[in-house]
Amino acid sequence: MSTLPCYRWRLAPDGLATRRQLRALGLRPGGQDVVAEVHRPRRRRGPLVAYLYRVDGAKPVRPMTPGRWAALAKANAARRTCPACHRDAGYVISPTLGMCTPCAYSGQDAV
């Protein structure tokens, strides 16, 4: 058990938020420590745990720079490029196939 205060699901006090809630407000934790935990009970497994941060100590999200946009576009293009035929598949290639659908099933007979 941790030394942090624990709250039940949906019973956390105002002024505390999870990372996702901060992000929806356009904020980030900004290096601050976790203040509390929220526990959501589950039937057959242990509870889900979410960490809470102070909203007043959060900082604004850093804006996307042109360099970050370019890096993101390059990474997404790499996820769509087939390593076998080197074409843009037009969709994110499944990691289980490892190549575009036509290349993956080109050698198989139609059923």
PDB file of N, CA and C in Angstrom:
ATOM      1  N   MET A   1       0.844  -1.172   0.000  1.00  0.00           N
ATOM      2  CA  MET A   1       0.000   0.000   0.000  1.00  0.00           C
ATOM      3  C   MET A   1       0.890   1.237   0.000  1.00  0.00           C
ATOM      4  N   SER A   2       0.527   2.199  -0.768  1.00  0.00           N
ATOM      5  CA  SER A   2       1.348   3.397  -0.866  1.00  0.00           C
ATOM      6  C   SER A   2       0.975   4.400   0.228  1.00  0.00           C
ATOM      7  N   THR A   3       1.803   5.405   0.376  1.00  0.00           N
ATOM      8  CA  THR A   3       1.548   6.433   1.373  1.00  0.00           C
ATOM      9  C   THR A   3       0.695   7.568   0.818  1.00  0.00           C
ATOM     10  N   LEU A   4       0.339   7.478  -0.448  1.00  0.00           N
ATOM     11  CA  LEU A   4      -0.503   8.506  -1.069  1.00  0.00           C
ATOM     12  C   LEU A   4      -1.955   8.337  -0.640  1.00  0.00           C
ATOM     13  N   PRO A   5      -2.710   9.431  -0.581  1.00  0.00           N
ATOM     14  CA  PRO A   5      -4.142   9.287  -0.314  1.00  0.00           C
ATOM     15  C   PRO A   5      -4.824   8.551  -1.464  1.00  0.00           C
ATOM     16  N   CYS A   6      -5.753   7.669  -1.130  1.00  0.00           N
ATOM     17  CA  CYS A   6      -6.475   6.887  -2.135  1.00  0.00           C
ATOM     18  C   CYS A   6      -7.949   7.272  -2.103  1.00  0.00           C
ATOM     19  N   TYR A   7      -8.496   7.478  -3.297  1.00  0.00           N
ATOM     20  CA  TYR A   7      -9.910   7.816  -3.418  1.00  0.00           C
ATOM     21  C   TYR A   7     -10.594   6.756  -4.256  1.00  0.00           C
ATOM     22  N   ARG A   8     -11.870   6.560  -4.007  1.00  0.00           N
ATOM     23  CA  ARG A   8     -12.641   5.630  -4.825  1.00  0.00           C
ATOM     24  C   ARG A   8     -12.982   6.313  -6.133  1.00  0.00           C
ATOM     25  N   TRP A   9     -13.365   5.488  -7.105  1.00  0.00           N
ATOM     26  CA  TRP A   9     -13.698   5.966  -8.437  1.00  0.00           C
ATOM     27  C   TRP A   9     -14.752   7.063  -8.385  1.00  0.00           C
ATOM     28  N   ARG A  10     -14.502   8.164  -9.045  1.00  0.00           N
ATOM     29  CA  ARG A  10     -15.379   9.336  -9.155  1.00  0.00           C
ATOM     30  C   ARG A  10     -15.557  10.109  -7.847  1.00  0.00           C
ATOM     31  N   LEU A  11     -14.722   9.840  -6.843  1.00  0.00           N
ATOM     32  CA  LEU A  11     -14.863  10.533  -5.570  1.00  0.00           C
ATOM     33  C   LEU A  11     -13.633  11.376  -5.215  1.00  0.00           C
ATOM     34  N   ALA A  12     -12.815  11.675  -6.196  1.00  0.00           N
ATOM     35  CA  ALA A  12     -11.638  12.515  -5.941  1.00  0.00           C
ATOM     36  C   ALA A  12     -12.078  13.964  -5.746  1.00  0.00           C
ATOM     37  N   PRO A  13     -11.385  14.705  -4.894  1.00  0.00           N
ATOM     38  CA  PRO A  13     -11.774  16.104  -4.662  1.00  0.00           C
ATOM     39  C   PRO A  13     -11.468  16.987  -5.870  1.00  0.00           C
ATOM     40  N   ASP A  14     -12.122  18.136  -5.916  1.00  0.00           N
ATOM     41  CA  ASP A  14     -11.863  19.104  -6.973  1.00  0.00           C
ATOM     42  C   ASP A  14     -10.431  19.616  -6.849  1.00  0.00           C
ATOM     43  N   GLY A  15      -9.859  19.964  -7.981  1.00  0.00           N
ATOM     44  CA  GLY A  15      -8.493  20.473  -7.982  1.00  0.00           C
ATOM     45  C   GLY A  15      -7.462  19.404  -8.286  1.00  0.00           C
ATOM     46  N   LEU A  16      -7.894  18.138  -8.385  1.00  0.00           N
ATOM     47  CA  LEU A  16      -7.001  17.045  -8.753  1.00  0.00           C
ATOM     48  C   LEU A  16      -7.503  16.443 -10.059  1.00  0.00           C
ATOM     49  N   ALA A  17      -6.556  16.013 -10.908  1.00  0.00           N
ATOM     50  CA  ALA A  17      -6.940  15.457 -12.199  1.00  0.00           C
ATOM     51  C   ALA A  17      -5.914  14.434 -12.654  1.00  0.00           C
ATOM     52  N   THR A  18      -6.357  13.489 -13.476  1.00  0.00           N
ATOM     53  CA  THR A  18      -5.458  12.510 -14.081  1.00  0.00           C
ATOM     54  C   THR A  18      -4.753  13.147 -15.270  1.00  0.00           C
ATOM     55  N   ARG A  19      -3.797  12.435 -15.843  1.00  0.00           N
ATOM     56  CA  ARG A  19      -3.087  12.946 -17.019  1.00  0.00           C
ATOM     57  C   ARG A  19      -4.043  13.226 -18.170  1.00  0.00           C
ATOM     58  N   ARG A  20      -4.971  12.309 -18.393  1.00  0.00           N
ATOM     59  CA  ARG A  20      -5.927  12.513 -19.490  1.00  0.00           C
ATOM     60  C   ARG A  20      -6.822  13.709 -19.240  1.00  0.00           C
ATOM     61  N   GLN A  21      -7.234  13.898 -18.013  1.00  0.00           N
ATOM     62  CA  GLN A  21      -8.070  15.050 -17.694  1.00  0.00           C
ATOM     63  C   GLN A  21      -7.283  16.351 -17.849  1.00  0.00           C
ATOM     64  N   LEU A  22      -6.015  16.327 -17.445  1.00  0.00           N
ATOM     65  CA  LEU A  22      -5.175  17.508 -17.649  1.00  0.00           C
ATOM     66  C   LEU A  22      -5.014  17.802 -19.138  1.00  0.00           C
ATOM     67  N   ARG A  23      -4.791  16.756 -19.926  1.00  0.00           N
ATOM     68  CA  ARG A  23      -4.606  16.933 -21.362  1.00  0.00           C
ATOM     69  C   ARG A  23      -5.865  17.513 -22.005  1.00  0.00           C
ATOM     70  N   ALA A  24      -7.031  17.092 -21.560  1.00  0.00           N
ATOM     71  CA  ALA A  24      -8.286  17.634 -22.090  1.00  0.00           C
ATOM     72  C   ALA A  24      -8.426  19.118 -21.759  1.00  0.00           C
ATOM     73  N   LEU A  25      -7.777  19.562 -20.693  1.00  0.00           N
ATOM     74  CA  LEU A  25      -7.787  20.972 -20.326  1.00  0.00           C
ATOM     75  C   LEU A  25      -6.655  21.750 -20.981  1.00  0.00           C
ATOM     76  N   GLY A  26      -5.824  21.050 -21.780  1.00  0.00           N
ATOM     77  CA  GLY A  26      -4.691  21.713 -22.421  1.00  0.00           C
ATOM     78  C   GLY A  26      -3.511  21.885 -21.493  1.00  0.00           C
ATOM     79  N   LEU A  27      -3.407  20.990 -20.490  1.00  0.00           N
ATOM     80  CA  LEU A  27      -2.345  21.075 -19.495  1.00  0.00           C
ATOM     81  C   LEU A  27      -1.543  19.786 -19.459  1.00  0.00           C
ATOM     82  N   ARG A  28      -0.405  19.835 -18.771  1.00  0.00           N
ATOM     83  CA  ARG A  28       0.439  18.667 -18.522  1.00  0.00           C
ATOM     84  C   ARG A  28       0.915  18.732 -17.081  1.00  0.00           C
ATOM     85  N   PRO A  29       1.331  17.601 -16.484  1.00  0.00           N
ATOM     86  CA  PRO A  29       1.771  17.644 -15.080  1.00  0.00           C
ATOM     87  C   PRO A  29       2.936  18.596 -14.838  1.00  0.00           C
ATOM     88  N   GLY A  30       3.834  18.722 -15.785  1.00  0.00           N
ATOM     89  CA  GLY A  30       4.908  19.707 -15.649  1.00  0.00           C
ATOM     90  C   GLY A  30       5.941  19.363 -14.599  1.00  0.00           C
ATOM     91  N   GLY A  31       6.220  18.091 -14.381  1.00  0.00           N
ATOM     92  CA  GLY A  31       7.268  17.689 -13.454  1.00  0.00           C
ATOM     93  C   GLY A  31       6.838  17.567 -12.006  1.00  0.00           C
ATOM     94  N   GLN A  32       5.601  17.858 -11.706  1.00  0.00           N
ATOM     95  CA  GLN A  32       5.158  17.747 -10.317  1.00  0.00           C
ATOM     96  C   GLN A  32       4.962  16.283  -9.927  1.00  0.00           C
ATOM     97  N   ASP A  33       5.059  16.008  -8.656  1.00  0.00           N
ATOM     98  CA  ASP A  33       4.895  14.651  -8.153  1.00  0.00           C
ATOM     99  C   ASP A  33       3.411  14.278  -8.098  1.00  0.00           C
ATOM    100  N   VAL A  34       3.160  12.975  -8.057  1.00  0.00           N
ATOM    101  CA  VAL A  34       1.800  12.468  -7.910  1.00  0.00           C
ATOM    102  C   VAL A  34       1.297  12.843  -6.519  1.00  0.00           C
ATOM    103  N   VAL A  35       0.062  13.321  -6.444  1.00  0.00           N
ATOM    104  CA  VAL A  35      -0.504  13.784  -5.182  1.00  0.00           C
ATOM    105  C   VAL A  35      -1.385  12.713  -4.542  1.00  0.00           C
ATOM    106  N   ALA A  36      -2.128  11.958  -5.370  1.00  0.00           N
ATOM    107  CA  ALA A  36      -3.057  10.966  -4.840  1.00  0.00           C
ATOM    108  C   ALA A  36      -3.321   9.904  -5.899  1.00  0.00           C
ATOM    109  N   GLU A  37      -4.104   8.904  -5.520  1.00  0.00           N
ATOM    110  CA  GLU A  37      -4.486   7.823  -6.427  1.00  0.00           C
ATOM    111  C   GLU A  37      -5.999   7.670  -6.432  1.00  0.00           C
ATOM    112  N   VAL A  38      -6.514   7.202  -7.562  1.00  0.00           N
ATOM    113  CA  VAL A  38      -7.919   6.837  -7.671  1.00  0.00           C
ATOM    114  C   VAL A  38      -7.954   5.350  -7.973  1.00  0.00           C
ATOM    115  N   HIS A  39      -8.770   4.602  -7.245  1.00  0.00           N
ATOM    116  CA  HIS A  39      -8.895   3.162  -7.460  1.00  0.00           C
ATOM    117  C   HIS A  39     -10.280   2.849  -8.018  1.00  0.00           C
ATOM    118  N   ARG A  40     -10.298   2.127  -9.120  1.00  0.00           N
ATOM    119  CA  ARG A  40     -11.565   1.673  -9.703  1.00  0.00           C
ATOM    120  C   ARG A  40     -11.640   0.163  -9.520  1.00  0.00           C
ATOM    121  N   PRO A  41     -12.572  -0.316  -8.736  1.00  0.00           N
ATOM    122  CA  PRO A  41     -12.635  -1.762  -8.474  1.00  0.00           C
ATOM    123  C   PRO A  41     -13.060  -2.545  -9.719  1.00  0.00           C
ATOM    124  N   ARG A  42     -12.533  -3.771  -9.800  1.00  0.00           N
ATOM    125  CA  ARG A  42     -12.917  -4.710 -10.849  1.00  0.00           C
ATOM    126  C   ARG A  42     -13.297  -6.023 -10.195  1.00  0.00           C
ATOM    127  N   ARG A  43     -14.064  -6.825 -10.882  1.00  0.00           N
ATOM    128  CA  ARG A  43     -14.579  -8.056 -10.270  1.00  0.00           C
ATOM    129  C   ARG A  43     -13.519  -9.123 -10.032  1.00  0.00           C
ATOM    130  N   ARG A  44     -12.796  -9.496 -11.053  1.00  0.00           N
ATOM    131  CA  ARG A  44     -11.916 -10.665 -10.938  1.00  0.00           C
ATOM    132  C   ARG A  44     -10.432 -10.325 -10.847  1.00  0.00           C
ATOM    133  N   ARG A  45     -10.106  -9.053 -10.955  1.00  0.00           N
ATOM    134  CA  ARG A  45      -8.702  -8.655 -10.901  1.00  0.00           C
ATOM    135  C   ARG A  45      -8.548  -7.511  -9.910  1.00  0.00           C
ATOM    136  N   GLY A  46      -7.319  -7.092  -9.740  1.00  0.00           N
ATOM    137  CA  GLY A  46      -7.054  -5.966  -8.856  1.00  0.00           C
ATOM    138  C   GLY A  46      -7.629  -4.681  -9.415  1.00  0.00           C
ATOM    139  N   PRO A  47      -7.732  -3.664  -8.583  1.00  0.00           N
ATOM    140  CA  PRO A  47      -8.340  -2.415  -9.047  1.00  0.00           C
ATOM    141  C   PRO A  47      -7.453  -1.690 -10.055  1.00  0.00           C
ATOM    142  N   LEU A  48      -8.098  -0.928 -10.942  1.00  0.00           N
ATOM    143  CA  LEU A  48      -7.360  -0.037 -11.824  1.00  0.00           C
ATOM    144  C   LEU A  48      -6.931   1.172 -11.003  1.00  0.00           C
ATOM    145  N   VAL A  49      -5.722   1.630 -11.226  1.00  0.00           N
ATOM    146  CA  VAL A  49      -5.186   2.746 -10.465  1.00  0.00           C
ATOM    147  C   VAL A  49      -4.858   3.888 -11.421  1.00  0.00           C
ATOM    148  N   ALA A  50      -5.309   5.071 -11.086  1.00  0.00           N
ATOM    149  CA  ALA A  50      -4.960   6.275 -11.837  1.00  0.00           C
ATOM    150  C   ALA A  50      -4.319   7.261 -10.868  1.00  0.00           C
ATOM    151  N   TYR A  51      -3.271   7.920 -11.318  1.00  0.00           N
ATOM    152  CA  TYR A  51      -2.564   8.873 -10.473  1.00  0.00           C
ATOM    153  C   TYR A  51      -3.122  10.270 -10.700  1.00  0.00           C
ATOM    154  N   LEU A  52      -3.213  11.029  -9.625  1.00  0.00           N
ATOM    155  CA  LEU A  52      -3.791  12.366  -9.675  1.00  0.00           C
ATOM    156  C   LEU A  52      -2.709  13.421  -9.457  1.00  0.00           C
ATOM    157  N   TYR A  53      -2.872  14.524 -10.187  1.00  0.00           N
ATOM    158  CA  TYR A  53      -1.965  15.664 -10.096  1.00  0.00           C
ATOM    159  C   TYR A  53      -2.775  16.907  -9.760  1.00  0.00           C
ATOM    160  N   ARG A  54      -2.123  17.902  -9.195  1.00  0.00           N
ATOM    161  CA  ARG A  54      -2.786  19.160  -8.875  1.00  0.00           C
ATOM    162  C   ARG A  54      -2.986  19.962 -10.145  1.00  0.00           C
ATOM    163  N   VAL A  55      -4.179  20.471 -10.343  1.00  0.00           N
ATOM    164  CA  VAL A  55      -4.484  21.258 -11.539  1.00  0.00           C
ATOM    165  C   VAL A  55      -3.791  22.616 -11.466  1.00  0.00           C
ATOM    166  N   ASP A  56      -3.703  23.195 -10.270  1.00  0.00           N
ATOM    167  CA  ASP A  56      -3.083  24.517 -10.156  1.00  0.00           C
ATOM    168  C   ASP A  56      -1.571  24.474 -10.362  1.00  0.00           C
ATOM    169  N   GLY A  57      -0.959  23.305 -10.234  1.00  0.00           N
ATOM    170  CA  GLY A  57       0.478  23.173 -10.471  1.00  0.00           C
ATOM    171  C   GLY A  57       0.822  22.706 -11.870  1.00  0.00           C
ATOM    172  N   ALA A  58      -0.192  22.467 -12.702  1.00  0.00           N
ATOM    173  CA  ALA A  58       0.035  21.979 -14.060  1.00  0.00           C
ATOM    174  C   ALA A  58       0.473  23.119 -14.974  1.00  0.00           C
ATOM    175  N   LYS A  59       1.210  22.752 -16.009  1.00  0.00           N
ATOM    176  CA  LYS A  59       1.701  23.728 -16.981  1.00  0.00           C
ATOM    177  C   LYS A  59       0.991  23.529 -18.313  1.00  0.00           C
ATOM    178  N   PRO A  60       0.990  24.552 -19.159  1.00  0.00           N
ATOM    179  CA  PRO A  60       0.359  24.391 -20.474  1.00  0.00           C
ATOM    180  C   PRO A  60       1.121  23.378 -21.336  1.00  0.00           C
ATOM    181  N   VAL A  61       0.392  22.721 -22.223  1.00  0.00           N
ATOM    182  CA  VAL A  61       1.000  21.763 -23.144  1.00  0.00           C
ATOM    183  C   VAL A  61       1.903  22.523 -24.107  1.00  0.00           C
ATOM    184  N   ARG A  62       3.054  21.953 -24.394  1.00  0.00           N
ATOM    185  CA  ARG A  62       3.969  22.590 -25.337  1.00  0.00           C
ATOM    186  C   ARG A  62       3.362  22.542 -26.737  1.00  0.00           C
ATOM    187  N   PRO A  63       3.424  23.630 -27.482  1.00  0.00           N
ATOM    188  CA  PRO A  63       2.838  23.633 -28.826  1.00  0.00           C
ATOM    189  C   PRO A  63       3.664  22.797 -29.802  1.00  0.00           C
ATOM    190  N   MET A  64       2.988  22.310 -30.829  1.00  0.00           N
ATOM    191  CA  MET A  64       3.672  21.550 -31.875  1.00  0.00           C
ATOM    192  C   MET A  64       4.448  22.523 -32.762  1.00  0.00           C
ATOM    193  N   THR A  65       5.735  22.270 -32.907  1.00  0.00           N
ATOM    194  CA  THR A  65       6.572  23.093 -33.775  1.00  0.00           C
ATOM    195  C   THR A  65       6.561  22.501 -35.178  1.00  0.00           C
ATOM    196  N   PRO A  66       6.984  23.250 -36.181  1.00  0.00           N
ATOM    197  CA  PRO A  66       7.053  22.688 -37.534  1.00  0.00           C
ATOM    198  C   PRO A  66       7.943  21.441 -37.617  1.00  0.00           C
ATOM    199  N   GLY A  67       9.009  21.408 -36.831  1.00  0.00           N
ATOM    200  CA  GLY A  67       9.875  20.230 -36.821  1.00  0.00           C
ATOM    201  C   GLY A  67       9.175  19.005 -36.258  1.00  0.00           C
ATOM    202  N   ARG A  68       8.378  19.206 -35.209  1.00  0.00           N
ATOM    203  CA  ARG A  68       7.616  18.082 -34.635  1.00  0.00           C
ATOM    204  C   ARG A  68       6.551  17.589 -35.597  1.00  0.00           C
ATOM    205  N   TRP A  69       5.875  18.522 -36.279  1.00  0.00           N
ATOM    206  CA  TRP A  69       4.873  18.113 -37.276  1.00  0.00           C
ATOM    207  C   TRP A  69       5.536  17.303 -38.383  1.00  0.00           C
ATOM    208  N   ALA A  70       6.718  17.730 -38.837  1.00  0.00           N
ATOM    209  CA  ALA A  70       7.427  17.010 -39.895  1.00  0.00           C
ATOM    210  C   ALA A  70       7.843  15.619 -39.429  1.00  0.00           C
ATOM    211  N   ALA A  71       8.338  15.513 -38.188  1.00  0.00           N
ATOM    212  CA  ALA A  71       8.743  14.214 -37.661  1.00  0.00           C
ATOM    213  C   ALA A  71       7.549  13.279 -37.519  1.00  0.00           C
ATOM    214  N   LEU A  72       6.403  13.814 -37.089  1.00  0.00           N
ATOM    215  CA  LEU A  72       5.194  13.000 -36.958  1.00  0.00           C
ATOM    216  C   LEU A  72       4.710  12.523 -38.326  1.00  0.00           C
ATOM    217  N   ALA A  73       4.735  13.392 -39.314  1.00  0.00           N
ATOM    218  CA  ALA A  73       4.320  13.004 -40.667  1.00  0.00           C
ATOM    219  C   ALA A  73       5.248  11.934 -41.234  1.00  0.00           C
ATOM    220  N   LYS A  74       6.540  12.057 -40.977  1.00  0.00           N
ATOM    221  CA  LYS A  74       7.505  11.057 -41.460  1.00  0.00           C
ATOM    222  C   LYS A  74       7.287   9.704 -40.785  1.00  0.00           C
ATOM    223  N   ALA A  75       7.010   9.702 -39.484  1.00  0.00           N
ATOM    224  CA  ALA A  75       6.767   8.454 -38.764  1.00  0.00           C
ATOM    225  C   ALA A  75       5.490   7.778 -39.251  1.00  0.00           C
ATOM    226  N   ASN A  76       4.430   8.560 -39.491  1.00  0.00           N
ATOM    227  CA  ASN A  76       3.184   7.984 -39.990  1.00  0.00           C
ATOM    228  C   ASN A  76       3.347   7.444 -41.407  1.00  0.00           C
ATOM    229  N   ALA A  77       4.136   8.128 -42.231  1.00  0.00           N
ATOM    230  CA  ALA A  77       4.399   7.633 -43.589  1.00  0.00           C
ATOM    231  C   ALA A  77       5.165   6.313 -43.541  1.00  0.00           C
ATOM    232  N   ALA A  78       6.083   6.182 -42.593  1.00  0.00           N
ATOM    233  CA  ALA A  78       6.842   4.934 -42.463  1.00  0.00           C
ATOM    234  C   ALA A  78       5.935   3.783 -42.037  1.00  0.00           C
ATOM    235  N   ARG A  79       4.906   4.062 -41.256  1.00  0.00           N
ATOM    236  CA  ARG A  79       3.969   3.012 -40.836  1.00  0.00           C
ATOM    237  C   ARG A  79       3.082   2.558 -41.991  1.00  0.00           C
ATOM    238  N   ARG A  80       2.911   3.403 -43.005  1.00  0.00           N
ATOM    239  CA  ARG A  80       2.071   3.060 -44.149  1.00  0.00           C
ATOM    240  C   ARG A  80       2.852   2.461 -45.314  1.00  0.00           C
ATOM    241  N   THR A  81       4.178   2.548 -45.297  1.00  0.00           N
ATOM    242  CA  THR A  81       4.998   2.070 -46.407  1.00  0.00           C
ATOM    243  C   THR A  81       5.289   0.586 -46.248  1.00  0.00           C
ATOM    244  N   CYS A  82       5.007  -0.166 -47.295  1.00  0.00           N
ATOM    245  CA  CYS A  82       5.229  -1.619 -47.283  1.00  0.00           C
ATOM    246  C   CYS A  82       6.721  -1.896 -47.465  1.00  0.00           C
ATOM    247  N   PRO A  83       7.336  -2.730 -46.607  1.00  0.00           N
ATOM    248  CA  PRO A  83       8.760  -3.035 -46.781  1.00  0.00           C
ATOM    249  C   PRO A  83       9.033  -3.954 -47.970  1.00  0.00           C
ATOM    250  N   ALA A  84       8.015  -4.654 -48.466  1.00  0.00           N
ATOM    251  CA  ALA A  84       8.224  -5.569 -49.591  1.00  0.00           C
ATOM    252  C   ALA A  84       8.165  -4.850 -50.936  1.00  0.00           C
ATOM    253  N   CYS A  85       7.115  -4.050 -51.160  1.00  0.00           N
ATOM    254  CA  CYS A  85       6.948  -3.392 -52.462  1.00  0.00           C
ATOM    255  C   CYS A  85       7.281  -1.900 -52.420  1.00  0.00           C
ATOM    256  N   HIS A  86       7.553  -1.346 -51.241  1.00  0.00           N
ATOM    257  CA  HIS A  86       7.945   0.050 -51.043  1.00  0.00           C
ATOM    258  C   HIS A  86       6.907   1.047 -51.548  1.00  0.00           C
ATOM    259  N   ARG A  87       5.636   0.678 -51.486  1.00  0.00           N
ATOM    260  CA  ARG A  87       4.557   1.592 -51.867  1.00  0.00           C
ATOM    261  C   ARG A  87       3.796   2.021 -50.628  1.00  0.00           C
ATOM    262  N   ASP A  88       3.144   3.188 -50.729  1.00  0.00           N
ATOM    263  CA  ASP A  88       2.282   3.660 -49.654  1.00  0.00           C
ATOM    264  C   ASP A  88       0.985   2.875 -49.746  1.00  0.00           C
ATOM    265  N   ALA A  89       0.669   2.124 -48.709  1.00  0.00           N
ATOM    266  CA  ALA A  89      -0.517   1.264 -48.716  1.00  0.00           C
ATOM    267  C   ALA A  89      -1.795   2.073 -48.540  1.00  0.00           C
ATOM    268  N   GLY A  90      -1.710   3.288 -48.036  1.00  0.00           N
ATOM    269  CA  GLY A  90      -2.903   4.086 -47.801  1.00  0.00           C
ATOM    270  C   GLY A  90      -3.531   3.817 -46.440  1.00  0.00           C
ATOM    271  N   TYR A  91      -2.950   2.920 -45.660  1.00  0.00           N
ATOM    272  CA  TYR A  91      -3.424   2.588 -44.320  1.00  0.00           C
ATOM    273  C   TYR A  91      -2.221   2.135 -43.506  1.00  0.00           C
ATOM    274  N   VAL A  92      -2.359   2.086 -42.211  1.00  0.00           N
ATOM    275  CA  VAL A  92      -1.268   1.626 -41.354  1.00  0.00           C
ATOM    276  C   VAL A  92      -1.156   0.118 -41.500  1.00  0.00           C
ATOM    277  N   ILE A  93       0.019  -0.344 -41.852  1.00  0.00           N
ATOM    278  CA  ILE A  93       0.246  -1.769 -42.092  1.00  0.00           C
ATOM    279  C   ILE A  93       0.227  -2.519 -40.766  1.00  0.00           C
ATOM    280  N   SER A  94      -0.477  -3.627 -40.739  1.00  0.00           N
ATOM    281  CA  SER A  94      -0.598  -4.434 -39.538  1.00  0.00           C
ATOM    282  C   SER A  94       0.756  -5.025 -39.159  1.00  0.00           C
ATOM    283  N   PRO A  95       1.151  -4.936 -37.891  1.00  0.00           N
ATOM    284  CA  PRO A  95       2.419  -5.531 -37.491  1.00  0.00           C
ATOM    285  C   PRO A  95       2.416  -7.055 -37.563  1.00  0.00           C
ATOM    286  N   THR A  96       1.242  -7.680 -37.512  1.00  0.00           N
ATOM    287  CA  THR A  96       1.198  -9.132 -37.608  1.00  0.00           C
ATOM    288  C   THR A  96       1.513  -9.601 -39.023  1.00  0.00           C
ATOM    289  N   LEU A  97       1.081  -8.852 -40.020  1.00  0.00           N
ATOM    290  CA  LEU A  97       1.419  -9.206 -41.404  1.00  0.00           C
ATOM    291  C   LEU A  97       2.813  -8.727 -41.760  1.00  0.00           C
ATOM    292  N   GLY A  98       3.152  -7.520 -41.354  1.00  0.00           N
ATOM    293  CA  GLY A  98       4.467  -6.976 -41.646  1.00  0.00           C
ATOM    294  C   GLY A  98       4.599  -6.408 -43.039  1.00  0.00           C
ATOM    295  N   MET A  99       3.554  -6.472 -43.834  1.00  0.00           N
ATOM    296  CA  MET A  99       3.556  -5.940 -45.199  1.00  0.00           C
ATOM    297  C   MET A  99       2.120  -5.652 -45.595  1.00  0.00           C
ATOM    298  N   CYS A 100       1.943  -5.012 -46.739  1.00  0.00           N
ATOM    299  CA  CYS A 100       0.590  -4.687 -47.175  1.00  0.00           C
ATOM    300  C   CYS A 100      -0.167  -5.967 -47.525  1.00  0.00           C
ATOM    301  N   THR A 101      -1.468  -5.872 -47.568  1.00  0.00           N
ATOM    302  CA  THR A 101      -2.308  -7.044 -47.799  1.00  0.00           C
ATOM    303  C   THR A 101      -2.028  -7.713 -49.147  1.00  0.00           C
ATOM    304  N   PRO A 102      -1.896  -6.973 -50.263  1.00  0.00           N
ATOM    305  CA  PRO A 102      -1.590  -7.652 -51.531  1.00  0.00           C
ATOM    306  C   PRO A 102      -0.269  -8.422 -51.499  1.00  0.00           C
ATOM    307  N   CYS A 103       0.751  -7.862 -50.856  1.00  0.00           N
ATOM    308  CA  CYS A 103       2.036  -8.577 -50.771  1.00  0.00           C
ATOM    309  C   CYS A 103       1.932  -9.797 -49.859  1.00  0.00           C
ATOM    310  N   ALA A 104       1.177  -9.685 -48.787  1.00  0.00           N
ATOM    311  CA  ALA A 104       1.066 -10.781 -47.831  1.00  0.00           C
ATOM    312  C   ALA A 104       0.322 -11.972 -48.415  1.00  0.00           C
ATOM    313  N   TYR A 105      -0.673 -11.712 -49.264  1.00  0.00           N
ATOM    314  CA  TYR A 105      -1.510 -12.795 -49.779  1.00  0.00           C
ATOM    315  C   TYR A 105      -1.306 -13.026 -51.275  1.00  0.00           C
ATOM    316  N   SER A 106      -0.223 -12.526 -51.851  1.00  0.00           N
ATOM    317  CA  SER A 106      -0.015 -12.674 -53.285  1.00  0.00           C
ATOM    318  C   SER A 106       0.308 -14.110 -53.691  1.00  0.00           C
ATOM    319  N   GLY A 107       0.952 -14.876 -52.840  1.00  0.00           N
ATOM    320  CA  GLY A 107       1.349 -16.234 -53.195  1.00  0.00           C
ATOM    321  C   GLY A 107       0.329 -17.283 -52.838  1.00  0.00           C
ATOM    322  N   GLN A 108      -0.798 -16.898 -52.264  1.00  0.00           N
ATOM    323  CA  GLN A 108      -1.807 -17.882 -51.844  1.00  0.00           C
ATOM    324  C   GLN A 108      -2.928 -17.966 -52.867  1.00  0.00           C
ATOM    325  N   ASP A 109      -3.505 -19.159 -52.994  1.00  0.00           N
ATOM    326  CA  ASP A 109      -4.630 -19.353 -53.887  1.00  0.00           C
ATOM    327  C   ASP A 109      -5.900 -18.826 -53.224  1.00  0.00           C
ATOM    328  N   ALA A 110      -6.820 -18.344 -54.032  1.00  0.00           N
ATOM    329  CA  ALA A 110      -8.093 -17.868 -53.524  1.00  0.00           C
ATOM    330  C   ALA A 110      -8.926 -19.053 -53.081  1.00  0.00           C
ATOM    331  N   VAL A 111      -9.594 -18.897 -51.965  1.00  0.00           N
ATOM    332  CA  VAL A 111     -10.419 -19.982 -51.420  1.00  0.00           C
ATOM    333  C   VAL A 111     -11.852 -19.779 -51.780  1.00  0.00           C
TER     334      VAL A 111
END
